[in-house]
């Protein structure tokens, strides 16, 4: 047991949140290899900048990773992206075996929604 005072402290490491800057939150990426996290951060940073450019008042973006149907080395990645712009939430959800394809697709959907909404 890691922490005698709080027995639940080590229980939920998988869903632990990581903040990048002040307005980017990654949840569920603790089980991803360090090399993959570097790529994830670059991808998220790239799309976040684009989303900010098309936003009225960008507040934050939250990306949640869930591994589903995990059998040996074969699992699917479920990515949920939620961006807040001027009080309005834009979200997407993508499931794919490839983490980077799922992440790219989900971020691209949110970017499209934000861009379309703010063109009006």
PDB file of N, CA and C in Angstrom:
ATOM      1  N   UNK A   1       0.856  -1.179   0.000  1.00  0.00           N
ATOM      2  CA  UNK A   1       0.000   0.000   0.000  1.00  0.00           C
ATOM      3  C   UNK A   1       0.901   1.240   0.000  1.00  0.00           C
ATOM      4  N   UNK A   2       0.648   2.157  -0.938  1.00  0.00           N
ATOM      5  CA  UNK A   2       1.499   3.326  -1.085  1.00  0.00           C
ATOM      6  C   UNK A   2       1.294   4.363   0.010  1.00  0.00           C
ATOM      7  N   UNK A   3       0.064   4.581   0.379  1.00  0.00           N
ATOM      8  CA  UNK A   3      -0.233   5.649   1.315  1.00  0.00           C
ATOM      9  C   UNK A   3      -1.118   5.095   2.431  1.00  0.00           C
ATOM     10  N   UNK A   4      -0.557   4.992   3.636  1.00  0.00           N
ATOM     11  CA  UNK A   4      -1.296   4.399   4.754  1.00  0.00           C
ATOM     12  C   UNK A   4      -2.472   5.274   5.200  1.00  0.00           C
ATOM     13  N   UNK A   5      -2.338   6.599   5.015  1.00  0.00           N
ATOM     14  CA  UNK A   5      -3.406   7.509   5.441  1.00  0.00           C
ATOM     15  C   UNK A   5      -4.623   7.420   4.518  1.00  0.00           C
ATOM     16  N   UNK A   6      -4.379   7.270   3.223  1.00  0.00           N
ATOM     17  CA  UNK A   6      -5.469   7.222   2.266  1.00  0.00           C
ATOM     18  C   UNK A   6      -5.352   5.942   1.436  1.00  0.00           C
ATOM     19  N   UNK A   7      -6.066   4.893   1.801  1.00  0.00           N
ATOM     20  CA  UNK A   7      -5.945   3.626   1.090  1.00  0.00           C
ATOM     21  C   UNK A   7      -6.405   3.676  -0.368  1.00  0.00           C
ATOM     22  N   UNK A   8      -7.199   4.673  -0.747  1.00  0.00           N
ATOM     23  CA  UNK A   8      -7.684   4.787  -2.128  1.00  0.00           C
ATOM     24  C   UNK A   8      -6.739   5.585  -3.021  1.00  0.00           C
ATOM     25  N   UNK A   9      -5.638   6.094  -2.481  1.00  0.00           N
ATOM     26  CA  UNK A   9      -4.734   6.958  -3.238  1.00  0.00           C
ATOM     27  C   UNK A   9      -4.144   6.253  -4.456  1.00  0.00           C
ATOM     28  N   UNK A  10      -3.828   4.977  -4.368  1.00  0.00           N
ATOM     29  CA  UNK A  10      -3.200   4.263  -5.474  1.00  0.00           C
ATOM     30  C   UNK A  10      -4.204   3.537  -6.358  1.00  0.00           C
ATOM     31  N   UNK A  11      -5.447   3.566  -6.005  1.00  0.00           N
ATOM     32  CA  UNK A  11      -6.458   2.783  -6.706  1.00  0.00           C
ATOM     33  C   UNK A  11      -6.708   3.284  -8.121  1.00  0.00           C
ATOM     34  N   UNK A  12      -6.828   4.596  -8.334  1.00  0.00           N
ATOM     35  CA  UNK A  12      -7.277   5.127  -9.612  1.00  0.00           C
ATOM     36  C   UNK A  12      -6.172   5.840 -10.385  1.00  0.00           C
ATOM     37  N   UNK A  13      -4.995   5.248 -10.480  1.00  0.00           N
ATOM     38  CA  UNK A  13      -3.888   5.848 -11.223  1.00  0.00           C
ATOM     39  C   UNK A  13      -4.209   5.972 -12.701  1.00  0.00           C
ATOM     40  N   UNK A  14      -4.960   5.015 -13.259  1.00  0.00           N
ATOM     41  CA  UNK A  14      -5.277   5.006 -14.684  1.00  0.00           C
ATOM     42  C   UNK A  14      -6.058   6.251 -15.081  1.00  0.00           C
ATOM     43  N   UNK A  15      -7.019   6.659 -14.266  1.00  0.00           N
ATOM     44  CA  UNK A  15      -7.852   7.810 -14.597  1.00  0.00           C
ATOM     45  C   UNK A  15      -7.330   9.120 -14.023  1.00  0.00           C
ATOM     46  N   UNK A  16      -6.102   9.116 -13.574  1.00  0.00           N
ATOM     47  CA  UNK A  16      -5.500  10.322 -13.022  1.00  0.00           C
ATOM     48  C   UNK A  16      -5.370  11.384 -14.116  1.00  0.00           C
ATOM     49  N   UNK A  17      -5.551  12.621 -13.731  1.00  0.00           N
ATOM     50  CA  UNK A  17      -5.528  13.736 -14.660  1.00  0.00           C
ATOM     51  C   UNK A  17      -4.125  14.326 -14.760  1.00  0.00           C
ATOM     52  N   UNK A  18      -3.736  14.735 -15.981  1.00  0.00           N
ATOM     53  CA  UNK A  18      -2.469  15.418 -16.219  1.00  0.00           C
ATOM     54  C   UNK A  18      -2.796  16.728 -16.908  1.00  0.00           C
ATOM     55  N   UNK A  19      -2.282  17.825 -16.391  1.00  0.00           N
ATOM     56  CA  UNK A  19      -2.525  19.125 -17.015  1.00  0.00           C
ATOM     57  C   UNK A  19      -1.332  19.541 -17.855  1.00  0.00           C
ATOM     58  N   UNK A  20      -1.614  20.034 -19.047  1.00  0.00           N
ATOM     59  CA  UNK A  20      -0.586  20.606 -19.912  1.00  0.00           C
ATOM     60  C   UNK A  20      -0.911  22.082 -20.027  1.00  0.00           C
ATOM     61  N   UNK A  21      -0.060  22.914 -19.537  1.00  0.00           N
ATOM     62  CA  UNK A  21      -0.399  24.330 -19.521  1.00  0.00           C
ATOM     63  C   UNK A  21      -1.558  24.528 -18.564  1.00  0.00           C
ATOM     64  N   UNK A  22      -2.309  25.574 -18.736  1.00  0.00           N
ATOM     65  CA  UNK A  22      -3.417  25.821 -17.828  1.00  0.00           C
ATOM     66  C   UNK A  22      -4.751  25.320 -18.328  1.00  0.00           C
ATOM     67  N   UNK A  23      -4.848  25.071 -19.638  1.00  0.00           N
ATOM     68  CA  UNK A  23      -6.171  24.797 -20.190  1.00  0.00           C
ATOM     69  C   UNK A  23      -6.271  23.478 -20.966  1.00  0.00           C
ATOM     70  N   UNK A  24      -5.297  22.584 -20.793  1.00  0.00           N
ATOM     71  CA  UNK A  24      -5.351  21.265 -21.443  1.00  0.00           C
ATOM     72  C   UNK A  24      -5.285  20.202 -20.355  1.00  0.00           C
ATOM     73  N   UNK A  25      -6.269  19.290 -20.376  1.00  0.00           N
ATOM     74  CA  UNK A  25      -6.314  18.231 -19.368  1.00  0.00           C
ATOM     75  C   UNK A  25      -6.391  16.873 -20.055  1.00  0.00           C
ATOM     76  N   UNK A  26      -5.454  15.993 -19.713  1.00  0.00           N
ATOM     77  CA  UNK A  26      -5.437  14.623 -20.227  1.00  0.00           C
ATOM     78  C   UNK A  26      -5.825  13.685 -19.097  1.00  0.00           C
ATOM     79  N   UNK A  27      -6.780  12.809 -19.354  1.00  0.00           N
ATOM     80  CA  UNK A  27      -7.227  11.850 -18.338  1.00  0.00           C
ATOM     81  C   UNK A  27      -7.124  10.443 -18.930  1.00  0.00           C
ATOM     82  N   UNK A  28      -6.526   9.536 -18.171  1.00  0.00           N
ATOM     83  CA  UNK A  28      -6.436   8.144 -18.599  1.00  0.00           C
ATOM     84  C   UNK A  28      -5.198   7.815 -19.414  1.00  0.00           C
ATOM     85  N   UNK A  29      -4.238   8.724 -19.469  1.00  0.00           N
ATOM     86  CA  UNK A  29      -3.050   8.498 -20.287  1.00  0.00           C
ATOM     87  C   UNK A  29      -1.876   7.932 -19.490  1.00  0.00           C
ATOM     88  N   UNK A  30      -2.107   7.576 -18.222  1.00  0.00           N
ATOM     89  CA  UNK A  30      -1.039   7.034 -17.382  1.00  0.00           C
ATOM     90  C   UNK A  30      -0.558   5.672 -17.867  1.00  0.00           C
ATOM     91  N   UNK A  31      -1.423   4.906 -18.552  1.00  0.00           N
ATOM     92  CA  UNK A  31      -1.029   3.583 -19.009  1.00  0.00           C
ATOM     93  C   UNK A  31      -0.344   3.617 -20.373  1.00  0.00           C
ATOM     94  N   UNK A  32      -0.244   4.797 -20.986  1.00  0.00           N
ATOM     95  CA  UNK A  32       0.376   4.947 -22.293  1.00  0.00           C
ATOM     96  C   UNK A  32       1.890   5.095 -22.110  1.00  0.00           C
ATOM     97  N   UNK A  33       2.669   4.479 -23.001  1.00  0.00           N
ATOM     98  CA  UNK A  33       4.129   4.544 -22.887  1.00  0.00           C
ATOM     99  C   UNK A  33       4.616   5.988 -23.006  1.00  0.00           C
ATOM    100  N   UNK A  34       5.783   6.257 -22.442  1.00  0.00           N
ATOM    101  CA  UNK A  34       6.348   7.606 -22.443  1.00  0.00           C
ATOM    102  C   UNK A  34       6.563   8.115 -23.869  1.00  0.00           C
ATOM    103  N   UNK A  35       7.018   7.235 -24.758  1.00  0.00           N
ATOM    104  CA  UNK A  35       7.241   7.624 -26.157  1.00  0.00           C
ATOM    105  C   UNK A  35       5.923   8.033 -26.815  1.00  0.00           C
ATOM    106  N   UNK A  36       4.862   7.287 -26.539  1.00  0.00           N
ATOM    107  CA  UNK A  36       3.556   7.616 -27.109  1.00  0.00           C
ATOM    108  C   UNK A  36       2.998   8.906 -26.520  1.00  0.00           C
ATOM    109  N   UNK A  37       3.271   9.161 -25.237  1.00  0.00           N
ATOM    110  CA  UNK A  37       2.780  10.386 -24.588  1.00  0.00           C
ATOM    111  C   UNK A  37       3.402  11.621 -25.240  1.00  0.00           C
ATOM    112  N   UNK A  38       4.654  11.520 -25.673  1.00  0.00           N
ATOM    113  CA  UNK A  38       5.304  12.643 -26.357  1.00  0.00           C
ATOM    114  C   UNK A  38       4.531  12.989 -27.635  1.00  0.00           C
ATOM    115  N   UNK A  39       4.156  11.962 -28.401  1.00  0.00           N
ATOM    116  CA  UNK A  39       3.388  12.174 -29.634  1.00  0.00           C
ATOM    117  C   UNK A  39       1.999  12.715 -29.307  1.00  0.00           C
ATOM    118  N   UNK A  40       1.368  12.164 -28.272  1.00  0.00           N
ATOM    119  CA  UNK A  40       0.044  12.618 -27.838  1.00  0.00           C
ATOM    120  C   UNK A  40       0.090  14.109 -27.502  1.00  0.00           C
ATOM    121  N   UNK A  41       1.101  14.524 -26.738  1.00  0.00           N
ATOM    122  CA  UNK A  41       1.208  15.931 -26.338  1.00  0.00           C
ATOM    123  C   UNK A  41       1.387  16.841 -27.548  1.00  0.00           C
ATOM    124  N   UNK A  42       2.199  16.416 -28.526  1.00  0.00           N
ATOM    125  CA  UNK A  42       2.398  17.225 -29.731  1.00  0.00           C
ATOM    126  C   UNK A  42       1.100  17.352 -30.526  1.00  0.00           C
ATOM    127  N   UNK A  43       0.391  16.231 -30.669  1.00  0.00           N
ATOM    128  CA  UNK A  43      -0.873  16.219 -31.407  1.00  0.00           C
ATOM    129  C   UNK A  43      -1.911  17.106 -30.719  1.00  0.00           C
ATOM    130  N   UNK A  44      -2.036  16.950 -29.414  1.00  0.00           N
ATOM    131  CA  UNK A  44      -2.998  17.735 -28.636  1.00  0.00           C
ATOM    132  C   UNK A  44      -2.631  19.222 -28.692  1.00  0.00           C
ATOM    133  N   UNK A  45      -1.354  19.529 -28.551  1.00  0.00           N
ATOM    134  CA  UNK A  45      -0.906  20.923 -28.611  1.00  0.00           C
ATOM    135  C   UNK A  45      -1.209  21.563 -29.956  1.00  0.00           C
ATOM    136  N   UNK A  46      -0.956  20.814 -31.027  1.00  0.00           N
ATOM    137  CA  UNK A  46      -1.212  21.303 -32.388  1.00  0.00           C
ATOM    138  C   UNK A  46      -2.689  21.639 -32.583  1.00  0.00           C
ATOM    139  N   UNK A  47      -3.551  20.699 -32.238  1.00  0.00           N
ATOM    140  CA  UNK A  47      -4.999  20.926 -32.414  1.00  0.00           C
ATOM    141  C   UNK A  47      -5.522  21.987 -31.459  1.00  0.00           C
ATOM    142  N   UNK A  48      -4.995  22.040 -30.247  1.00  0.00           N
ATOM    143  CA  UNK A  48      -5.454  23.057 -29.289  1.00  0.00           C
ATOM    144  C   UNK A  48      -5.164  24.456 -29.821  1.00  0.00           C
ATOM    145  N   UNK A  49      -3.982  24.646 -30.409  1.00  0.00           N
ATOM    146  CA  UNK A  49      -3.656  25.955 -30.999  1.00  0.00           C
ATOM    147  C   UNK A  49      -4.647  26.301 -32.115  1.00  0.00           C
ATOM    148  N   UNK A  50      -4.959  25.327 -32.968  1.00  0.00           N
ATOM    149  CA  UNK A  50      -5.917  25.574 -34.067  1.00  0.00           C
ATOM    150  C   UNK A  50      -7.313  25.887 -33.518  1.00  0.00           C
ATOM    151  N   UNK A  51      -7.717  25.136 -32.499  1.00  0.00           N
ATOM    152  CA  UNK A  51      -9.029  25.375 -31.891  1.00  0.00           C
ATOM    153  C   UNK A  51      -9.069  26.770 -31.271  1.00  0.00           C
ATOM    154  N   UNK A  52      -7.990  27.173 -30.605  1.00  0.00           N
ATOM    155  CA  UNK A  52      -7.925  28.513 -30.006  1.00  0.00           C
ATOM    156  C   UNK A  52      -8.040  29.593 -31.072  1.00  0.00           C
ATOM    157  N   UNK A  53      -7.401  29.375 -32.233  1.00  0.00           N
ATOM    158  CA  UNK A  53      -7.456  30.355 -33.325  1.00  0.00           C
ATOM    159  C   UNK A  53      -8.879  30.558 -33.830  1.00  0.00           C
ATOM    160  N   UNK A  54      -9.691  29.497 -33.791  1.00  0.00           N
ATOM    161  CA  UNK A  54     -11.058  29.567 -34.309  1.00  0.00           C
ATOM    162  C   UNK A  54     -12.097  29.811 -33.212  1.00  0.00           C
ATOM    163  N   UNK A  55     -11.642  29.992 -31.984  1.00  0.00           N
ATOM    164  CA  UNK A  55     -12.561  30.180 -30.861  1.00  0.00           C
ATOM    165  C   UNK A  55     -12.836  31.652 -30.612  1.00  0.00           C
ATOM    166  N   UNK A  56     -13.991  31.908 -29.993  1.00  0.00           N
ATOM    167  CA  UNK A  56     -14.306  33.266 -29.554  1.00  0.00           C
ATOM    168  C   UNK A  56     -13.594  33.541 -28.235  1.00  0.00           C
ATOM    169  N   UNK A  57     -13.721  32.604 -27.291  1.00  0.00           N
ATOM    170  CA  UNK A  57     -13.111  32.751 -25.969  1.00  0.00           C
ATOM    171  C   UNK A  57     -12.777  31.356 -25.444  1.00  0.00           C
ATOM    172  N   UNK A  58     -11.660  30.783 -25.943  1.00  0.00           N
ATOM    173  CA  UNK A  58     -11.282  29.423 -25.576  1.00  0.00           C
ATOM    174  C   UNK A  58     -11.040  29.335 -24.079  1.00  0.00           C
ATOM    175  N   UNK A  59     -11.694  28.343 -23.428  1.00  0.00           N
ATOM    176  CA  UNK A  59     -11.546  28.176 -21.988  1.00  0.00           C
ATOM    177  C   UNK A  59     -10.659  26.988 -21.641  1.00  0.00           C
ATOM    178  N   UNK A  60     -11.020  25.785 -22.170  1.00  0.00           N
ATOM    179  CA  UNK A  60     -10.203  24.609 -21.883  1.00  0.00           C
ATOM    180  C   UNK A  60     -10.566  23.467 -22.815  1.00  0.00           C
ATOM    181  N   UNK A  61      -9.680  22.465 -22.823  1.00  0.00           N
ATOM    182  CA  UNK A  61      -9.945  21.245 -23.570  1.00  0.00           C
ATOM    183  C   UNK A  61      -9.608  20.066 -22.667  1.00  0.00           C
ATOM    184  N   UNK A  62     -10.460  19.055 -22.718  1.00  0.00           N
ATOM    185  CA  UNK A  62     -10.281  17.862 -21.888  1.00  0.00           C
ATOM    186  C   UNK A  62     -10.300  16.648 -22.813  1.00  0.00           C
ATOM    187  N   UNK A  63      -9.265  15.800 -22.681  1.00  0.00           N
ATOM    188  CA  UNK A  63      -9.185  14.590 -23.488  1.00  0.00           C
ATOM    189  C   UNK A  63      -9.145  13.395 -22.555  1.00  0.00           C
ATOM    190  N   UNK A  64     -10.084  12.459 -22.760  1.00  0.00           N
ATOM    191  CA  UNK A  64     -10.184  11.270 -21.909  1.00  0.00           C
ATOM    192  C   UNK A  64      -9.919  10.036 -22.765  1.00  0.00           C
ATOM    193  N   UNK A  65      -9.005   9.182 -22.284  1.00  0.00           N
ATOM    194  CA  UNK A  65      -8.688   7.922 -22.957  1.00  0.00           C
ATOM    195  C   UNK A  65      -9.214   6.769 -22.122  1.00  0.00           C
ATOM    196  N   UNK A  66      -9.942   5.871 -22.785  1.00  0.00           N
ATOM    197  CA  UNK A  66     -10.405   4.649 -22.127  1.00  0.00           C
ATOM    198  C   UNK A  66      -9.995   3.480 -23.009  1.00  0.00           C
ATOM    199  N   UNK A  67      -9.331   2.490 -22.416  1.00  0.00           N
ATOM    200  CA  UNK A  67      -9.030   1.263 -23.166  1.00  0.00           C
ATOM    201  C   UNK A  67     -10.228   0.342 -23.006  1.00  0.00           C
ATOM    202  N   UNK A  68     -10.756  -0.133 -24.127  1.00  0.00           N
ATOM    203  CA  UNK A  68     -11.915  -1.026 -24.067  1.00  0.00           C
ATOM    204  C   UNK A  68     -11.601  -2.331 -24.792  1.00  0.00           C
ATOM    205  N   UNK A  69     -12.311  -3.362 -24.434  1.00  0.00           N
ATOM    206  CA  UNK A  69     -12.155  -4.694 -25.037  1.00  0.00           C
ATOM    207  C   UNK A  69     -10.707  -5.156 -24.993  1.00  0.00           C
ATOM    208  N   UNK A  70     -10.043  -4.964 -23.854  1.00  0.00           N
ATOM    209  CA  UNK A  70      -8.626  -5.318 -23.754  1.00  0.00           C
ATOM    210  C   UNK A  70      -8.464  -6.832 -23.615  1.00  0.00           C
ATOM    211  N   UNK A  71      -7.856  -7.445 -24.626  1.00  0.00           N
ATOM    212  CA  UNK A  71      -7.537  -8.868 -24.616  1.00  0.00           C
ATOM    213  C   UNK A  71      -6.093  -8.994 -25.058  1.00  0.00           C
ATOM    214  N   UNK A  72      -5.210  -9.422 -24.162  1.00  0.00           N
ATOM    215  CA  UNK A  72      -3.771  -9.520 -24.412  1.00  0.00           C
ATOM    216  C   UNK A  72      -3.262  -8.208 -25.001  1.00  0.00           C
ATOM    217  N   UNK A  73      -2.655  -8.249 -26.204  1.00  0.00           N
ATOM    218  CA  UNK A  73      -2.112  -7.031 -26.814  1.00  0.00           C
ATOM    219  C   UNK A  73      -3.096  -6.371 -27.773  1.00  0.00           C
ATOM    220  N   UNK A  74      -4.330  -6.786 -27.730  1.00  0.00           N
ATOM    221  CA  UNK A  74      -5.320  -6.266 -28.662  1.00  0.00           C
ATOM    222  C   UNK A  74      -6.402  -5.510 -27.893  1.00  0.00           C
ATOM    223  N   UNK A  75      -6.395  -4.196 -27.997  1.00  0.00           N
ATOM    224  CA  UNK A  75      -7.432  -3.404 -27.341  1.00  0.00           C
ATOM    225  C   UNK A  75      -7.821  -2.244 -28.243  1.00  0.00           C
ATOM    226  N   UNK A  76      -8.966  -1.666 -27.949  1.00  0.00           N
ATOM    227  CA  UNK A  76      -9.411  -0.487 -28.680  1.00  0.00           C
ATOM    228  C   UNK A  76      -9.292   0.711 -27.747  1.00  0.00           C
ATOM    229  N   UNK A  77      -9.038   1.852 -28.328  1.00  0.00           N
ATOM    230  CA  UNK A  77      -8.932   3.096 -27.571  1.00  0.00           C
ATOM    231  C   UNK A  77     -10.163   3.933 -27.827  1.00  0.00           C
ATOM    232  N   UNK A  78     -10.806   4.337 -26.750  1.00  0.00           N
ATOM    233  CA  UNK A  78     -11.966   5.222 -26.848  1.00  0.00           C
ATOM    234  C   UNK A  78     -11.495   6.595 -26.388  1.00  0.00           C
ATOM    235  N   UNK A  79     -11.621   7.573 -27.266  1.00  0.00           N
ATOM    236  CA  UNK A  79     -11.183   8.940 -26.968  1.00  0.00           C
ATOM    237  C   UNK A  79     -12.404   9.851 -26.903  1.00  0.00           C
ATOM    238  N   UNK A  80     -12.492  10.606 -25.819  1.00  0.00           N
ATOM    239  CA  UNK A  80     -13.527  11.632 -25.662  1.00  0.00           C
ATOM    240  C   UNK A  80     -12.811  12.978 -25.594  1.00  0.00           C
ATOM    241  N   UNK A  81     -13.234  13.915 -26.431  1.00  0.00           N
ATOM    242  CA  UNK A  81     -12.657  15.260 -26.414  1.00  0.00           C
ATOM    243  C   UNK A  81     -13.783  16.238 -26.133  1.00  0.00           C
ATOM    244  N   UNK A  82     -13.508  17.159 -25.214  1.00  0.00           N
ATOM    245  CA  UNK A  82     -14.486  18.194 -24.884  1.00  0.00           C
ATOM    246  C   UNK A  82     -13.744  19.528 -24.802  1.00  0.00           C
ATOM    247  N   UNK A  83     -14.169  20.470 -25.629  1.00  0.00           N
ATOM    248  CA  UNK A  83     -13.572  21.803 -25.620  1.00  0.00           C
ATOM    249  C   UNK A  83     -14.638  22.803 -25.205  1.00  0.00           C
ATOM    250  N   UNK A  84     -14.254  23.748 -24.374  1.00  0.00           N
ATOM    251  CA  UNK A  84     -15.160  24.814 -23.950  1.00  0.00           C
ATOM    252  C   UNK A  84     -14.734  26.123 -24.601  1.00  0.00           C
ATOM    253  N   UNK A  85     -15.661  26.726 -25.318  1.00  0.00           N
ATOM    254  CA  UNK A  85     -15.425  28.007 -25.974  1.00  0.00           C
ATOM    255  C   UNK A  85     -16.571  28.946 -25.633  1.00  0.00           C
ATOM    256  N   UNK A  86     -16.246  29.971 -24.911  1.00  0.00           N
ATOM    257  CA  UNK A  86     -17.238  30.996 -24.563  1.00  0.00           C
ATOM    258  C   UNK A  86     -18.467  30.383 -23.877  1.00  0.00           C
ATOM    259  N   UNK A  87     -18.231  29.388 -23.009  1.00  0.00           N
ATOM    260  CA  UNK A  87     -19.310  28.759 -22.263  1.00  0.00           C
ATOM    261  C   UNK A  87     -20.021  27.630 -22.998  1.00  0.00           C
ATOM    262  N   UNK A  88     -19.714  27.431 -24.284  1.00  0.00           N
ATOM    263  CA  UNK A  88     -20.354  26.370 -25.071  1.00  0.00           C
ATOM    264  C   UNK A  88     -19.395  25.184 -25.185  1.00  0.00           C
ATOM    265  N   UNK A  89     -19.937  23.984 -24.969  1.00  0.00           N
ATOM    266  CA  UNK A  89     -19.129  22.762 -25.041  1.00  0.00           C
ATOM    267  C   UNK A  89     -19.217  22.150 -26.435  1.00  0.00           C
ATOM    268  N   UNK A  90     -18.071  21.751 -26.957  1.00  0.00           N
ATOM    269  CA  UNK A  90     -17.977  21.029 -28.229  1.00  0.00           C
ATOM    270  C   UNK A  90     -17.321  19.703 -27.902  1.00  0.00           C
ATOM    271  N   UNK A  91     -17.943  18.589 -28.321  1.00  0.00           N
ATOM    272  CA  UNK A  91     -17.378  17.303 -27.939  1.00  0.00           C
ATOM    273  C   UNK A  91     -17.419  16.293 -29.074  1.00  0.00           C
ATOM    274  N   UNK A  92     -16.578  15.284 -28.945  1.00  0.00           N
ATOM    275  CA  UNK A  92     -16.564  14.190 -29.905  1.00  0.00           C
ATOM    276  C   UNK A  92     -16.087  12.928 -29.203  1.00  0.00           C
ATOM    277  N   UNK A  93     -16.363  11.808 -29.845  1.00  0.00           N
ATOM    278  CA  UNK A  93     -15.984  10.510 -29.302  1.00  0.00           C
ATOM    279  C   UNK A  93     -15.594   9.615 -30.472  1.00  0.00           C
ATOM    280  N   UNK A  94     -14.421   8.983 -30.382  1.00  0.00           N
ATOM    281  CA  UNK A  94     -13.937   8.110 -31.448  1.00  0.00           C
ATOM    282  C   UNK A  94     -13.356   6.846 -30.821  1.00  0.00           C
ATOM    283  N   UNK A  95     -13.607   5.694 -31.460  1.00  0.00           N
ATOM    284  CA  UNK A  95     -13.032   4.425 -31.014  1.00  0.00           C
ATOM    285  C   UNK A  95     -12.200   3.860 -32.157  1.00  0.00           C
ATOM    286  N   UNK A  96     -10.944   3.504 -31.866  1.00  0.00           N
ATOM    287  CA  UNK A  96     -10.069   2.924 -32.877  1.00  0.00           C
ATOM    288  C   UNK A  96      -8.985   2.104 -32.189  1.00  0.00           C
ATOM    289  N   UNK A  97      -8.453   1.110 -32.895  1.00  0.00           N
ATOM    290  CA  UNK A  97      -7.356   0.319 -32.333  1.00  0.00           C
ATOM    291  C   UNK A  97      -6.091   1.163 -32.198  1.00  0.00           C
ATOM    292  N   UNK A  98      -5.898   2.098 -33.120  1.00  0.00           N
ATOM    293  CA  UNK A  98      -4.717   2.952 -33.110  1.00  0.00           C
ATOM    294  C   UNK A  98      -5.006   4.214 -32.295  1.00  0.00           C
ATOM    295  N   UNK A  99      -4.262   4.414 -31.227  1.00  0.00           N
ATOM    296  CA  UNK A  99      -4.455   5.565 -30.338  1.00  0.00           C
ATOM    297  C   UNK A  99      -4.353   6.883 -31.088  1.00  0.00           C
ATOM    298  N   UNK A 100      -3.352   7.004 -31.962  1.00  0.00           N
ATOM    299  CA  UNK A 100      -3.111   8.277 -32.640  1.00  0.00           C
ATOM    300  C   UNK A 100      -4.199   8.592 -33.665  1.00  0.00           C
ATOM    301  N   UNK A 101      -4.697   7.585 -34.352  1.00  0.00           N
ATOM    302  CA  UNK A 101      -5.788   7.800 -35.304  1.00  0.00           C
ATOM    303  C   UNK A 101      -7.053   8.226 -34.552  1.00  0.00           C
ATOM    304  N   UNK A 102      -7.331   7.569 -33.431  1.00  0.00           N
ATOM    305  CA  UNK A 102      -8.505   7.929 -32.623  1.00  0.00           C
ATOM    306  C   UNK A 102      -8.386   9.357 -32.120  1.00  0.00           C
ATOM    307  N   UNK A 103      -7.216   9.710 -31.604  1.00  0.00           N
ATOM    308  CA  UNK A 103      -6.991  11.055 -31.062  1.00  0.00           C
ATOM    309  C   UNK A 103      -7.098  12.108 -32.156  1.00  0.00           C
ATOM    310  N   UNK A 104      -6.456  11.854 -33.288  1.00  0.00           N
ATOM    311  CA  UNK A 104      -6.495  12.795 -34.409  1.00  0.00           C
ATOM    312  C   UNK A 104      -7.933  13.002 -34.891  1.00  0.00           C
ATOM    313  N   UNK A 105      -8.674  11.920 -35.047  1.00  0.00           N
ATOM    314  CA  UNK A 105     -10.062  12.017 -35.532  1.00  0.00           C
ATOM    315  C   UNK A 105     -10.943  12.792 -34.562  1.00  0.00           C
ATOM    316  N   UNK A 106     -10.811  12.508 -33.274  1.00  0.00           N
ATOM    317  CA  UNK A 106     -11.639  13.180 -32.268  1.00  0.00           C
ATOM    318  C   UNK A 106     -11.316  14.675 -32.205  1.00  0.00           C
ATOM    319  N   UNK A 107     -10.035  15.011 -32.231  1.00  0.00           N
ATOM    320  CA  UNK A 107      -9.640  16.425 -32.186  1.00  0.00           C
ATOM    321  C   UNK A 107     -10.066  17.158 -33.457  1.00  0.00           C
ATOM    322  N   UNK A 108      -9.967  16.470 -34.591  1.00  0.00           N
ATOM    323  CA  UNK A 108     -10.377  17.068 -35.866  1.00  0.00           C
ATOM    324  C   UNK A 108     -11.877  17.381 -35.863  1.00  0.00           C
ATOM    325  N   UNK A 109     -12.679  16.484 -35.289  1.00  0.00           N
ATOM    326  CA  UNK A 109     -14.132  16.709 -35.198  1.00  0.00           C
ATOM    327  C   UNK A 109     -14.440  17.949 -34.361  1.00  0.00           C
ATOM    328  N   UNK A 110     -13.777  18.072 -33.212  1.00  0.00           N
ATOM    329  CA  UNK A 110     -14.018  19.233 -32.336  1.00  0.00           C
ATOM    330  C   UNK A 110     -13.567  20.512 -33.033  1.00  0.00           C
ATOM    331  N   UNK A 111     -12.426  20.473 -33.701  1.00  0.00           N
ATOM    332  CA  UNK A 111     -11.952  21.645 -34.448  1.00  0.00           C
ATOM    333  C   UNK A 111     -12.983  22.042 -35.498  1.00  0.00           C
ATOM    334  N   UNK A 112     -13.539  21.060 -36.204  1.00  0.00           N
ATOM    335  CA  UNK A 112     -14.562  21.344 -37.215  1.00  0.00           C
ATOM    336  C   UNK A 112     -15.800  21.973 -36.615  1.00  0.00           C
ATOM    337  N   UNK A 113     -16.231  21.455 -35.463  1.00  0.00           N
ATOM    338  CA  UNK A 113     -17.419  22.008 -34.792  1.00  0.00           C
ATOM    339  C   UNK A 113     -17.185  23.458 -34.364  1.00  0.00           C
ATOM    340  N   UNK A 114     -16.031  23.715 -33.744  1.00  0.00           N
ATOM    341  CA  UNK A 114     -15.717  25.062 -33.256  1.00  0.00           C
ATOM    342  C   UNK A 114     -15.628  26.020 -34.458  1.00  0.00           C
ATOM    343  N   UNK A 115     -14.949  25.605 -35.508  1.00  0.00           N
ATOM    344  CA  UNK A 115     -14.795  26.433 -36.694  1.00  0.00           C
ATOM    345  C   UNK A 115     -16.154  26.746 -37.323  1.00  0.00           C
ATOM    346  N   UNK A 116     -16.987  25.721 -37.487  1.00  0.00           N
ATOM    347  CA  UNK A 116     -18.307  25.904 -38.087  1.00  0.00           C
ATOM    348  C   UNK A 116     -19.183  26.821 -37.225  1.00  0.00           C
ATOM    349  N   UNK A 117     -19.174  26.595 -35.916  1.00  0.00           N
ATOM    350  CA  UNK A 117     -20.014  27.390 -35.022  1.00  0.00           C
ATOM    351  C   UNK A 117     -19.626  28.869 -35.034  1.00  0.00           C
ATOM    352  N   UNK A 118     -18.347  29.151 -35.096  1.00  0.00           N
ATOM    353  CA  UNK A 118     -17.883  30.537 -35.002  1.00  0.00           C
ATOM    354  C   UNK A 118     -17.821  31.256 -36.361  1.00  0.00           C
ATOM    355  N   UNK A 119     -18.149  30.560 -37.440  1.00  0.00           N
ATOM    356  CA  UNK A 119     -18.212  31.226 -38.747  1.00  0.00           C
ATOM    357  C   UNK A 119     -19.522  31.967 -38.924  1.00  0.00           C
ATOM    358  N   UNK A 120     -20.540  31.567 -38.115  1.00  0.00           N
ATOM    359  CA  UNK A 120     -21.851  32.192 -38.267  1.00  0.00           C
ATOM    360  C   UNK A 120     -21.871  33.607 -37.802  1.00  0.00           C
TER     361      UNK A 120
END
